[in-house]
Amino acid sequence: MKNKTVFVTGEDVITEMITKYPEAEKVLIESGMHCLGCFSAGFETLREACLVHGLDPVEILEKVNSALEEARS
């Protein structure tokens, strides 16, 4: 069984994550986070942003990391 690679965690700041992993932006937008360029994205972690938007941080992290792993395989 292959271990999943963890590219991002809930403690990653949104803008830093998007800069490093642009593919993550599509997942976040499709999940309902449409304000990725807002002021808060510069200091808000992925976990915090999920909670603000009523999203499950664990589910979003799984989706983001899966998309990033797929993009690199």
Protein backbone atom coordinates (compact mmCIF):
# COMPACT_ATOMS: atom_id res chain seq x y z
CA MET A 1 0.00 0.00 0.00
CA LYS A 2 1.42 3.36 -1.06
CA ASN A 3 1.67 6.13 1.51
CA LYS A 4 0.07 9.40 0.45
CA THR A 5 2.39 12.37 0.19
CA VAL A 6 1.45 15.31 2.37
CA PHE A 7 2.13 18.52 0.47
CA VAL A 8 0.07 20.87 2.63
CA THR A 9 -1.26 20.85 6.17
CA GLY A 10 -3.99 22.78 7.90
CA GLU A 11 -1.38 25.20 9.22
CA ASP A 12 -0.28 26.40 5.77
CA VAL A 13 -1.20 30.02 5.00
CA ILE A 14 -3.53 30.23 1.99
CA THR A 15 -1.48 32.63 -0.18
CA GLU A 16 1.78 30.80 0.53
CA MET A 17 0.15 27.49 -0.34
CA ILE A 18 -1.31 28.83 -3.61
CA THR A 19 2.06 30.35 -4.56
CA LYS A 20 3.87 27.07 -3.95
CA TYR A 21 1.10 24.79 -5.28
CA PRO A 22 -1.04 26.66 -7.83
CA GLU A 23 -3.03 23.47 -8.53
CA ALA A 24 -4.54 23.76 -5.04
CA GLU A 25 -6.46 26.87 -6.07
CA LYS A 26 -8.87 24.91 -8.28
CA VAL A 27 -9.72 22.52 -5.44
CA LEU A 28 -10.37 25.37 -3.03
CA ILE A 29 -12.57 27.27 -5.49
CA GLU A 30 -14.55 24.14 -6.33
CA SER A 31 -15.03 23.58 -2.59
CA GLY A 32 -16.57 27.02 -2.12
CA MET A 33 -13.58 29.18 -1.18
CA HIS A 34 -13.85 31.94 -3.76
CA CYS A 35 -11.96 34.71 -1.99
CA LEU A 36 -8.42 33.37 -2.28
CA GLY A 37 -7.04 36.81 -3.08
CA CYS A 38 -8.72 38.55 -0.14
CA PHE A 39 -6.82 40.25 2.66
CA SER A 40 -7.38 37.37 5.08
CA ALA A 41 -5.76 34.85 2.73
CA GLY A 42 -2.41 36.49 3.49
CA PHE A 43 -2.43 35.34 7.10
CA GLU A 44 -5.24 32.81 7.43
CA THR A 45 -4.33 29.12 7.55
CA LEU A 46 -6.12 26.54 5.46
CA ARG A 47 -7.76 25.14 8.60
CA GLU A 48 -8.99 28.58 9.66
CA ALA A 49 -10.30 29.36 6.18
CA CYS A 50 -12.18 26.06 6.07
CA LEU A 51 -13.85 26.79 9.39
CA VAL A 52 -14.82 30.32 8.30
CA HIS A 53 -16.41 28.89 5.15
CA GLY A 54 -18.15 26.04 6.95
CA LEU A 55 -15.97 23.38 5.32
CA ASP A 56 -14.43 20.29 6.88
CA PRO A 57 -10.65 20.94 7.07
CA VAL A 58 -9.79 17.23 6.96
CA GLU A 59 -11.86 16.69 3.81
CA ILE A 60 -10.36 19.74 2.08
CA LEU A 61 -6.83 18.70 3.02
CA GLU A 62 -7.42 15.25 1.57
CA LYS A 63 -8.75 16.76 -1.67
CA VAL A 64 -5.89 19.25 -1.99
CA ASN A 65 -3.17 16.70 -1.24
CA SER A 66 -4.74 14.15 -3.61
CA ALA A 67 -4.90 16.74 -6.41
CA LEU A 68 -1.28 17.73 -5.82
CA GLU A 69 -0.13 14.11 -5.76
CA GLU A 70 -2.04 13.43 -9.00
CA ALA A 71 -0.53 16.50 -10.66
CA ARG A 72 2.96 15.22 -9.86
CA SER A 73 2.52 11.61 -10.96
